[in-house]
Amino acid sequence: MRYKHVFSICAYKDSPYLERCIRSLKAQTAPSHIIICTSTPSRFIDGLAWKYGIRVFVRQGESNIRDDWNFAYASAEGELVTIAHQDDMYHRDYTKELLAACRRYPDMTVFTTDYVIVKKGKLITGDKMLWIKRMLRLPLRIPALNDRTWVKRSVLMLGNPICCPSVAYRKLKLGEPLIQSHYSFALDWDTMLRLAEEPGRFICAERPLLFYRIHEEATTKACIRDNRRELEEEAMFSRFWPAPVARWLMGFYRRAYEEYD
């Protein structure tokens, strides 16, 4: 691999948040290589890429999350790859924490972090769902356990507490393609479950190293409106639990959708 770590930014159309994402990556205390990947090329994206000295990779074909993420992952010539979302920002110590974990755990395949929500320009740190997700991730902070398949799976049984833009994948060990799921929303949860069943350690740095933005144009919002999120998440719960239990769990999970109102 040419680089130790690559931030591969998925850029879609002309996002007003893209430059802030780029600036957060450029401000890392431990520098990483940065690329932009898009299936919607534009002068706006090219202009920001030129301004910050970043190469743009263009995927041919219709935009969709799975193919766009796989293209961003494949285009990154790094041992470690973070698929950065254009709406989000990263704490300046993200790469520093990632590289420290990589040195300490040679068998690490997945690295993730805590995060805070950015909504209407304000940071939301005390949200109830954020605390629940921190509790669910607790086993990933125990080195004696976080390489066990049953432990990695158990973290995912009550929902997906892993925020996908916070994740760095060890491409050198995981290979390609990364996303093999047929889902259009729960593909990150599905992917985490598949990776949990493969050899390797899941590491969680329980620091808020990602600023996760919620806004009206976000894909998550669209998936709530057309019920894709609800249908796919119930299908994921059904892979762990009998149907009545899966429906009962979804009753709690639906309340989390209120974050996006």
C-alpha atoms as a PDB file:
ATOM      1  CA  MET A   1       0.000   0.000   0.000  1.00  0.00           C
ATOM      2  CA  ARG A   2       1.255   3.485  -0.867  1.00  0.00           C
ATOM      3  CA  TYR A   3      -0.050   5.228   2.274  1.00  0.00           C
ATOM      4  CA  LYS A   4      -0.553   4.230   5.893  1.00  0.00           C
ATOM      5  CA  HIS A   5      -3.963   5.929   6.128  1.00  0.00           C
ATOM      6  CA  VAL A   6      -6.267   7.541   3.580  1.00  0.00           C
ATOM      7  CA  PHE A   7      -9.342   9.696   4.103  1.00  0.00           C
ATOM      8  CA  SER A   8     -11.523   8.993   1.080  1.00  0.00           C
ATOM      9  CA  ILE A   9     -14.232  11.669   0.975  1.00  0.00           C
ATOM     10  CA  CYS A  10     -17.521  10.676  -0.655  1.00  0.00           C
ATOM     11  CA  ALA A  11     -18.719  13.880  -2.332  1.00  0.00           C
ATOM     12  CA  TYR A  12     -22.266  14.096  -3.681  1.00  0.00           C
ATOM     13  CA  LYS A  13     -23.383  17.124  -5.702  1.00  0.00           C
ATOM     14  CA  ASP A  14     -22.441  20.554  -4.301  1.00  0.00           C
ATOM     15  CA  SER A  15     -22.596  20.208  -0.530  1.00  0.00           C
ATOM     16  CA  PRO A  16     -22.164  23.434   1.479  1.00  0.00           C
ATOM     17  CA  TYR A  17     -20.463  21.321   4.164  1.00  0.00           C
ATOM     18  CA  LEU A  18     -17.752  19.752   1.995  1.00  0.00           C
ATOM     19  CA  GLU A  19     -15.133  22.425   2.618  1.00  0.00           C
ATOM     20  CA  ARG A  20     -15.535  22.149   6.386  1.00  0.00           C
ATOM     21  CA  CYS A  21     -15.015  18.405   6.111  1.00  0.00           C
ATOM     22  CA  ILE A  22     -11.843  18.938   4.065  1.00  0.00           C
ATOM     23  CA  ARG A  23     -10.497  21.512   6.493  1.00  0.00           C
ATOM     24  CA  SER A  24     -10.997  19.130   9.435  1.00  0.00           C
ATOM     25  CA  LEU A  25      -8.984  16.473   7.608  1.00  0.00           C
ATOM     26  CA  LYS A  26      -6.233  18.906   6.694  1.00  0.00           C
ATOM     27  CA  ALA A  27      -5.994  19.942  10.363  1.00  0.00           C
ATOM     28  CA  GLN A  28      -5.163  16.432  11.634  1.00  0.00           C
ATOM     29  CA  THR A  29      -2.239  16.342  14.087  1.00  0.00           C
ATOM     30  CA  ALA A  30      -1.031  13.168  12.354  1.00  0.00           C
ATOM     31  CA  PRO A  31      -1.352  13.848   8.602  1.00  0.00           C
ATOM     32  CA  SER A  32      -3.127  11.407   6.302  1.00  0.00           C
ATOM     33  CA  HIS A  33      -3.476  11.241   2.554  1.00  0.00           C
ATOM     34  CA  ILE A  34      -6.798  12.693   1.341  1.00  0.00           C
ATOM     35  CA  ILE A  35      -8.767  12.000  -1.835  1.00  0.00           C
ATOM     36  CA  ILE A  36     -12.237  12.937  -3.060  1.00  0.00           C
ATOM     37  CA  CYS A  37     -14.460  10.387  -4.788  1.00  0.00           C
ATOM     38  CA  THR A  38     -17.689  11.289  -6.555  1.00  0.00           C
ATOM     39  CA  SER A  39     -20.266  10.030  -9.022  1.00  0.00           C
ATOM     40  CA  THR A  40     -21.593  13.582  -9.484  1.00  0.00           C
ATOM     41  CA  PRO A  41     -18.579  15.571 -10.765  1.00  0.00           C
ATOM     42  CA  SER A  42     -18.893  19.353 -10.787  1.00  0.00           C
ATOM     43  CA  ARG A  43     -16.889  22.555 -11.002  1.00  0.00           C
ATOM     44  CA  PHE A  44     -17.669  23.113  -7.324  1.00  0.00           C
ATOM     45  CA  ILE A  45     -16.006  19.854  -6.256  1.00  0.00           C
ATOM     46  CA  ASP A  46     -13.072  20.412  -8.628  1.00  0.00           C
ATOM     47  CA  GLY A  47     -12.620  23.939  -7.279  1.00  0.00           C
ATOM     48  CA  LEU A  48     -12.343  22.772  -3.673  1.00  0.00           C
ATOM     49  CA  ALA A  49     -10.038  19.932  -4.697  1.00  0.00           C
ATOM     50  CA  TRP A  50      -7.735  22.382  -6.504  1.00  0.00           C
ATOM     51  CA  LYS A  51      -7.814  24.796  -3.539  1.00  0.00           C
ATOM     52  CA  TYR A  52      -6.660  22.123  -1.093  1.00  0.00           C
ATOM     53  CA  GLY A  53      -4.451  20.063  -3.420  1.00  0.00           C
ATOM     54  CA  ILE A  54      -6.628  16.956  -3.407  1.00  0.00           C
ATOM     55  CA  ARG A  55      -7.033  14.486  -6.262  1.00  0.00           C
ATOM     56  CA  VAL A  56     -10.576  13.745  -7.468  1.00  0.00           C
ATOM     57  CA  PHE A  57     -11.664  10.265  -8.578  1.00  0.00           C
ATOM     58  CA  VAL A  58     -14.862  10.069 -10.646  1.00  0.00           C
ATOM     59  CA  ARG A  59     -17.065   6.981 -10.754  1.00  0.00           C
ATOM     60  CA  GLN A  60     -19.152   6.415 -13.860  1.00  0.00           C
ATOM     61  CA  GLY A  61     -22.767   5.332 -13.408  1.00  0.00           C
ATOM     62  CA  GLU A  62     -25.762   6.255 -11.295  1.00  0.00           C
ATOM     63  CA  SER A  63     -25.134   7.300  -7.693  1.00  0.00           C
ATOM     64  CA  ASN A  64     -25.943   4.838  -4.916  1.00  0.00           C
ATOM     65  CA  ILE A  65     -24.476   4.408  -1.479  1.00  0.00           C
ATOM     66  CA  ARG A  66     -23.024   0.901  -1.889  1.00  0.00           C
ATOM     67  CA  ASP A  67     -21.253   1.546  -5.185  1.00  0.00           C
ATOM     68  CA  ASP A  68     -20.084   5.016  -4.129  1.00  0.00           C
ATOM     69  CA  TRP A  69     -18.635   3.689  -0.861  1.00  0.00           C
ATOM     70  CA  ASN A  70     -16.974   0.738  -2.566  1.00  0.00           C
ATOM     71  CA  PHE A  71     -15.454   3.076  -5.160  1.00  0.00           C
ATOM     72  CA  ALA A  72     -14.152   5.394  -2.421  1.00  0.00           C
ATOM     73  CA  TYR A  73     -12.645   2.401  -0.607  1.00  0.00           C
ATOM     74  CA  ALA A  74     -11.113   0.894  -3.756  1.00  0.00           C
ATOM     75  CA  SER A  75      -9.613   4.225  -4.865  1.00  0.00           C
ATOM     76  CA  ALA A  76      -7.740   4.673  -1.584  1.00  0.00           C
ATOM     77  CA  GLU A  77      -4.180   3.320  -1.725  1.00  0.00           C
ATOM     78  CA  GLY A  78      -3.894   2.905   2.017  1.00  0.00           C
ATOM     79  CA  GLU A  79      -3.418   0.171   4.556  1.00  0.00           C
ATOM     80  CA  LEU A  80      -6.129   1.949   6.572  1.00  0.00           C
ATOM     81  CA  VAL A  81      -9.095   3.668   4.927  1.00  0.00           C
ATOM     82  CA  THR A  82     -11.717   5.994   6.392  1.00  0.00           C
ATOM     83  CA  ILE A  83     -14.680   6.678   4.101  1.00  0.00           C
ATOM     84  CA  ALA A  84     -15.364  10.258   5.126  1.00  0.00           C
ATOM     85  CA  HIS A  85     -18.840  11.689   4.613  1.00  0.00           C
ATOM     86  CA  GLN A  86     -18.906  15.179   3.131  1.00  0.00           C
ATOM     87  CA  ASP A  87     -21.319  16.516   5.767  1.00  0.00           C
ATOM     88  CA  ASP A  88     -19.211  15.521   8.761  1.00  0.00           C
ATOM     89  CA  MET A  89     -16.085  16.844  10.460  1.00  0.00           C
ATOM     90  CA  TYR A  90     -13.277  15.047  12.268  1.00  0.00           C
ATOM     91  CA  HIS A  91     -11.516  15.929  15.498  1.00  0.00           C
ATOM     92  CA  ARG A  92      -7.866  16.796  14.868  1.00  0.00           C
ATOM     93  CA  ASP A  93      -6.731  13.744  16.893  1.00  0.00           C
ATOM     94  CA  TYR A  94      -8.700  11.183  14.862  1.00  0.00           C
ATOM     95  CA  THR A  95      -5.735   9.951  12.811  1.00  0.00           C
ATOM     96  CA  LYS A  96      -3.424  10.112  15.824  1.00  0.00           C
ATOM     97  CA  GLU A  97      -5.729   7.790  17.789  1.00  0.00           C
ATOM     98  CA  LEU A  98      -6.170   5.490  14.799  1.00  0.00           C
ATOM     99  CA  LEU A  99      -2.434   5.055  14.206  1.00  0.00           C
ATOM    100  CA  ALA A 100      -1.812   4.461  17.918  1.00  0.00           C
ATOM    101  CA  ALA A 101      -4.427   1.686  17.909  1.00  0.00           C
ATOM    102  CA  CYS A 102      -2.909   0.196  14.760  1.00  0.00           C
ATOM    103  CA  ARG A 103       0.531   0.031  16.362  1.00  0.00           C
ATOM    104  CA  ARG A 104      -0.810  -1.479  19.569  1.00  0.00           C
ATOM    105  CA  TYR A 105      -3.061  -4.091  17.929  1.00  0.00           C
ATOM    106  CA  PRO A 106      -1.551  -5.616  14.760  1.00  0.00           C
ATOM    107  CA  ASP A 107      -4.685  -7.767  14.314  1.00  0.00           C
ATOM    108  CA  MET A 108      -7.043  -4.770  14.290  1.00  0.00           C
ATOM    109  CA  THR A 109      -9.392  -4.785  11.292  1.00  0.00           C
ATOM    110  CA  VAL A 110     -11.924  -2.128  12.350  1.00  0.00           C
ATOM    111  CA  PHE A 111     -11.382   1.105  14.290  1.00  0.00           C
ATOM    112  CA  THR A 112     -14.259   3.275  15.481  1.00  0.00           C
ATOM    113  CA  THR A 113     -14.843   6.198  17.823  1.00  0.00           C
ATOM    114  CA  ASP A 114     -17.479   8.003  19.798  1.00  0.00           C
ATOM    115  CA  TYR A 115     -19.189  10.961  18.109  1.00  0.00           C
ATOM    116  CA  VAL A 116     -21.333  13.996  18.768  1.00  0.00           C
ATOM    117  CA  ILE A 117     -24.267  15.203  16.702  1.00  0.00           C
ATOM    118  CA  VAL A 118     -24.272  18.548  14.915  1.00  0.00           C
ATOM    119  CA  LYS A 119     -27.821  19.803  14.369  1.00  0.00           C
ATOM    120  CA  LYS A 120     -28.692  23.307  13.160  1.00  0.00           C
ATOM    121  CA  GLY A 121     -25.182  24.455  13.998  1.00  0.00           C
ATOM    122  CA  LYS A 122     -25.287  23.188  17.598  1.00  0.00           C
ATOM    123  CA  LEU A 123     -23.420  20.292  19.212  1.00  0.00           C
ATOM    124  CA  ILE A 124     -25.621  17.671  20.870  1.00  0.00           C
ATOM    125  CA  THR A 125     -23.574  15.670  23.381  1.00  0.00           C
ATOM    126  CA  GLY A 126     -26.059  14.505  26.024  1.00  0.00           C
ATOM    127  CA  ASP A 127     -28.565  12.747  23.782  1.00  0.00           C
ATOM    128  CA  LYS A 128     -30.017   9.573  25.338  1.00  0.00           C
ATOM    129  CA  MET A 129     -29.325   7.468  22.227  1.00  0.00           C
ATOM    130  CA  LEU A 130     -25.665   8.503  22.246  1.00  0.00           C
ATOM    131  CA  TRP A 131     -25.324   7.187  25.810  1.00  0.00           C
ATOM    132  CA  ILE A 132     -27.060   3.920  24.905  1.00  0.00           C
ATOM    133  CA  LYS A 133     -24.693   3.440  21.973  1.00  0.00           C
ATOM    134  CA  ARG A 134     -21.690   4.047  24.213  1.00  0.00           C
ATOM    135  CA  MET A 135     -22.929   1.295  26.515  1.00  0.00           C
ATOM    136  CA  LEU A 136     -23.399  -1.085  23.586  1.00  0.00           C
ATOM    137  CA  ARG A 137     -19.831  -0.416  22.413  1.00  0.00           C
ATOM    138  CA  LEU A 138     -18.353  -1.140  25.845  1.00  0.00           C
ATOM    139  CA  PRO A 139     -17.087  -4.685  24.965  1.00  0.00           C
ATOM    140  CA  LEU A 140     -14.981  -3.183  22.156  1.00  0.00           C
ATOM    141  CA  ARG A 141     -12.935  -1.358  24.790  1.00  0.00           C
ATOM    142  CA  ILE A 142     -11.817  -4.626  26.429  1.00  0.00           C
ATOM    143  CA  PRO A 143      -8.678  -6.032  24.701  1.00  0.00           C
ATOM    144  CA  ALA A 144      -9.227  -9.500  26.156  1.00  0.00           C
ATOM    145  CA  LEU A 145     -12.578  -9.713  24.365  1.00  0.00           C
ATOM    146  CA  ASN A 146     -12.677  -7.477  21.298  1.00  0.00           C
ATOM    147  CA  ASP A 147     -11.117 -10.038  18.977  1.00  0.00           C
ATOM    148  CA  ARG A 148     -13.799 -12.682  19.716  1.00  0.00           C
ATOM    149  CA  THR A 149     -16.502 -13.223  17.104  1.00  0.00           C
ATOM    150  CA  TRP A 150     -19.292 -13.620  19.656  1.00  0.00           C
ATOM    151  CA  VAL A 151     -18.287 -10.399  21.385  1.00  0.00           C
ATOM    152  CA  LYS A 152     -18.179  -8.413  18.135  1.00  0.00           C
ATOM    153  CA  ARG A 153     -21.579  -9.833  17.181  1.00  0.00           C
ATOM    154  CA  SER A 154     -23.058  -9.084  20.599  1.00  0.00           C
ATOM    155  CA  VAL A 155     -22.291  -5.380  20.160  1.00  0.00           C
ATOM    156  CA  LEU A 156     -24.620  -5.387  17.131  1.00  0.00           C
ATOM    157  CA  MET A 157     -27.540  -7.356  18.579  1.00  0.00           C
ATOM    158  CA  LEU A 158     -29.488  -4.400  19.974  1.00  0.00           C
ATOM    159  CA  GLY A 159     -28.850  -2.055  17.077  1.00  0.00           C
ATOM    160  CA  ASN A 160     -25.832  -0.612  15.336  1.00  0.00           C
ATOM    161  CA  PRO A 161     -23.870   1.578  17.774  1.00  0.00           C
ATOM    162  CA  ILE A 162     -21.030   2.081  15.284  1.00  0.00           C
ATOM    163  CA  CYS A 163     -21.273   5.345  13.356  1.00  0.00           C
ATOM    164  CA  CYS A 164     -20.050   4.463   9.862  1.00  0.00           C
ATOM    165  CA  PRO A 165     -18.106   7.682   9.045  1.00  0.00           C
ATOM    166  CA  SER A 166     -16.105   7.172  12.266  1.00  0.00           C
ATOM    167  CA  VAL A 167     -14.821   3.807  11.031  1.00  0.00           C
ATOM    168  CA  ALA A 168     -11.372   3.102   9.616  1.00  0.00           C
ATOM    169  CA  TYR A 169     -11.040  -0.234   7.816  1.00  0.00           C
ATOM    170  CA  ARG A 170      -7.778  -2.148   7.588  1.00  0.00           C
ATOM    171  CA  LYS A 171      -7.886  -2.667   3.850  1.00  0.00           C
ATOM    172  CA  LEU A 172      -4.660  -4.668   3.886  1.00  0.00           C
ATOM    173  CA  LYS A 173      -6.457  -7.391   5.863  1.00  0.00           C
ATOM    174  CA  LEU A 174     -10.074  -7.005   4.696  1.00  0.00           C
ATOM    175  CA  GLY A 175      -9.533  -6.816   0.931  1.00  0.00           C
ATOM    176  CA  GLU A 176     -12.231  -5.791  -1.559  1.00  0.00           C
ATOM    177  CA  PRO A 177     -15.087  -5.181  -2.054  1.00  0.00           C
ATOM    178  CA  LEU A 178     -15.898  -3.783   1.358  1.00  0.00           C
ATOM    179  CA  ILE A 179     -19.682  -3.437   1.032  1.00  0.00           C
ATOM    180  CA  GLN A 180     -21.439  -6.615  -0.075  1.00  0.00           C
ATOM    181  CA  SER A 181     -24.867  -5.852   1.406  1.00  0.00           C
ATOM    182  CA  HIS A 182     -28.031  -5.590  -0.696  1.00  0.00           C
ATOM    183  CA  TYR A 183     -29.527  -3.028   1.696  1.00  0.00           C
ATOM    184  CA  SER A 184     -29.720   0.663   0.804  1.00  0.00           C
ATOM    185  CA  PHE A 185     -29.799   1.995   4.398  1.00  0.00           C
ATOM    186  CA  ALA A 186     -28.725  -0.712   6.862  1.00  0.00           C
ATOM    187  CA  LEU A 187     -25.756  -1.669   4.687  1.00  0.00           C
ATOM    188  CA  ASP A 188     -23.310  -0.360   7.311  1.00  0.00           C
ATOM    189  CA  TRP A 189     -24.894  -2.522  10.052  1.00  0.00           C
ATOM    190  CA  ASP A 190     -24.940  -5.505   7.678  1.00  0.00           C
ATOM    191  CA  THR A 191     -21.283  -4.899   6.784  1.00  0.00           C
ATOM    192  CA  MET A 192     -20.231  -4.655  10.432  1.00  0.00           C
ATOM    193  CA  LEU A 193     -21.946  -7.988  11.116  1.00  0.00           C
ATOM    194  CA  ARG A 194     -20.095  -9.625   8.222  1.00  0.00           C
ATOM    195  CA  LEU A 195     -16.759  -8.207   9.373  1.00  0.00           C
ATOM    196  CA  ALA A 196     -17.481  -9.291  12.963  1.00  0.00           C
ATOM    197  CA  GLU A 197     -17.557 -12.879  11.756  1.00  0.00           C
ATOM    198  CA  GLU A 198     -14.129 -12.604  10.136  1.00  0.00           C
ATOM    199  CA  PRO A 199     -10.782 -12.779  11.985  1.00  0.00           C
ATOM    200  CA  GLY A 200      -9.608  -9.500  13.456  1.00  0.00           C
ATOM    201  CA  ARG A 201     -10.050  -7.098  16.320  1.00  0.00           C
ATOM    202  CA  PHE A 202     -12.623  -4.278  16.592  1.00  0.00           C
ATOM    203  CA  ILE A 203     -11.149  -1.302  18.463  1.00  0.00           C
ATOM    204  CA  CYS A 204     -13.195   1.574  19.860  1.00  0.00           C
ATOM    205  CA  ALA A 205     -11.593   4.839  20.968  1.00  0.00           C
ATOM    206  CA  GLU A 206     -14.355   6.132  23.209  1.00  0.00           C
ATOM    207  CA  ARG A 207     -13.606   9.770  22.492  1.00  0.00           C
ATOM    208  CA  PRO A 208     -15.895  11.996  20.398  1.00  0.00           C
ATOM    209  CA  LEU A 209     -13.601  12.199  17.373  1.00  0.00           C
ATOM    210  CA  LEU A 210     -16.384  12.690  14.824  1.00  0.00           C
ATOM    211  CA  PHE A 211     -18.877  15.523  14.430  1.00  0.00           C
ATOM    212  CA  TYR A 212     -21.870  13.883  12.744  1.00  0.00           C
ATOM    213  CA  ARG A 213     -24.137  16.357  10.991  1.00  0.00           C
ATOM    214  CA  ILE A 214     -27.912  15.928  10.751  1.00  0.00           C
ATOM    215  CA  HIS A 215     -29.777  18.059   8.209  1.00  0.00           C
ATOM    216  CA  GLU A 216     -32.765  17.977   5.867  1.00  0.00           C
ATOM    217  CA  GLU A 217     -30.824  16.782   2.806  1.00  0.00           C
ATOM    218  CA  ALA A 218     -29.109  13.885   4.607  1.00  0.00           C
ATOM    219  CA  THR A 219     -29.634  10.393   3.176  1.00  0.00           C
ATOM    220  CA  THR A 220     -30.806   9.171   6.586  1.00  0.00           C
ATOM    221  CA  LYS A 221     -33.691  11.635   6.496  1.00  0.00           C
ATOM    222  CA  ALA A 222     -34.817  10.370   3.073  1.00  0.00           C
ATOM    223  CA  CYS A 223     -34.661   6.747   4.265  1.00  0.00           C
ATOM    224  CA  ILE A 224     -36.937   7.566   7.205  1.00  0.00           C
ATOM    225  CA  ARG A 225     -39.488   9.262   4.945  1.00  0.00           C
ATOM    226  CA  ASP A 226     -39.870   6.304   2.577  1.00  0.00           C
ATOM    227  CA  ASN A 227     -39.722   3.650   5.370  1.00  0.00           C
ATOM    228  CA  ARG A 228     -36.533   2.026   4.039  1.00  0.00           C
ATOM    229  CA  ARG A 229     -34.817   2.524   7.367  1.00  0.00           C
ATOM    230  CA  GLU A 230     -37.589   0.873   9.366  1.00  0.00           C
ATOM    231  CA  LEU A 231     -37.935  -2.120   7.028  1.00  0.00           C
ATOM    232  CA  GLU A 232     -34.218  -2.816   6.807  1.00  0.00           C
ATOM    233  CA  GLU A 233     -33.519  -2.364  10.501  1.00  0.00           C
ATOM    234  CA  GLU A 234     -36.324  -4.755  11.413  1.00  0.00           C
ATOM    235  CA  ALA A 235     -34.817  -7.262   8.952  1.00  0.00           C
ATOM    236  CA  MET A 236     -31.448  -6.874  10.703  1.00  0.00           C
ATOM    237  CA  PHE A 237     -32.982  -7.428  14.146  1.00  0.00           C
ATOM    238  CA  SER A 238     -34.643 -10.575  12.780  1.00  0.00           C
ATOM    239  CA  ARG A 239     -31.202 -12.038  12.100  1.00  0.00           C
ATOM    240  CA  PHE A 240     -30.544 -12.041  15.858  1.00  0.00           C
ATOM    241  CA  TRP A 241     -33.994 -12.442  17.395  1.00  0.00           C
ATOM    242  CA  PRO A 242     -37.380 -14.153  16.815  1.00  0.00           C
ATOM    243  CA  ALA A 243     -39.848 -11.962  14.885  1.00  0.00           C
ATOM    244  CA  PRO A 244     -41.882 -10.844  17.958  1.00  0.00           C
ATOM    245  CA  VAL A 245     -38.716  -9.714  19.745  1.00  0.00           C
ATOM    246  CA  ALA A 246     -37.479  -7.936  16.613  1.00  0.00           C
ATOM    247  CA  ARG A 247     -40.763  -6.008  16.375  1.00  0.00           C
ATOM    248  CA  TRP A 248     -40.590  -5.134  20.079  1.00  0.00           C
ATOM    249  CA  LEU A 249     -37.032  -3.806  19.702  1.00  0.00           C
ATOM    250  CA  MET A 250     -38.105  -1.752  16.705  1.00  0.00           C
ATOM    251  CA  GLY A 251     -40.624   0.004  18.949  1.00  0.00           C
ATOM    252  CA  PHE A 252     -37.702   1.467  20.895  1.00  0.00           C
ATOM    253  CA  TYR A 253     -35.606   2.073  17.826  1.00  0.00           C
ATOM    254  CA  ARG A 254     -38.283   4.155  16.097  1.00  0.00           C
ATOM    255  CA  ARG A 255     -37.958   6.733  18.849  1.00  0.00           C
ATOM    256  CA  ALA A 256     -34.411   7.417  17.663  1.00  0.00           C
ATOM    257  CA  TYR A 257     -35.860   8.673  14.386  1.00  0.00           C
ATOM    258  CA  GLU A 258     -37.056  11.749  16.266  1.00  0.00           C
ATOM    259  CA  GLU A 259     -33.417  12.976  16.210  1.00  0.00           C
ATOM    260  CA  TYR A 260     -33.930  13.762  12.538  1.00  0.00           C
ATOM    261  CA  ASP A 261     -37.120  15.814  12.944  1.00  0.00           C
END
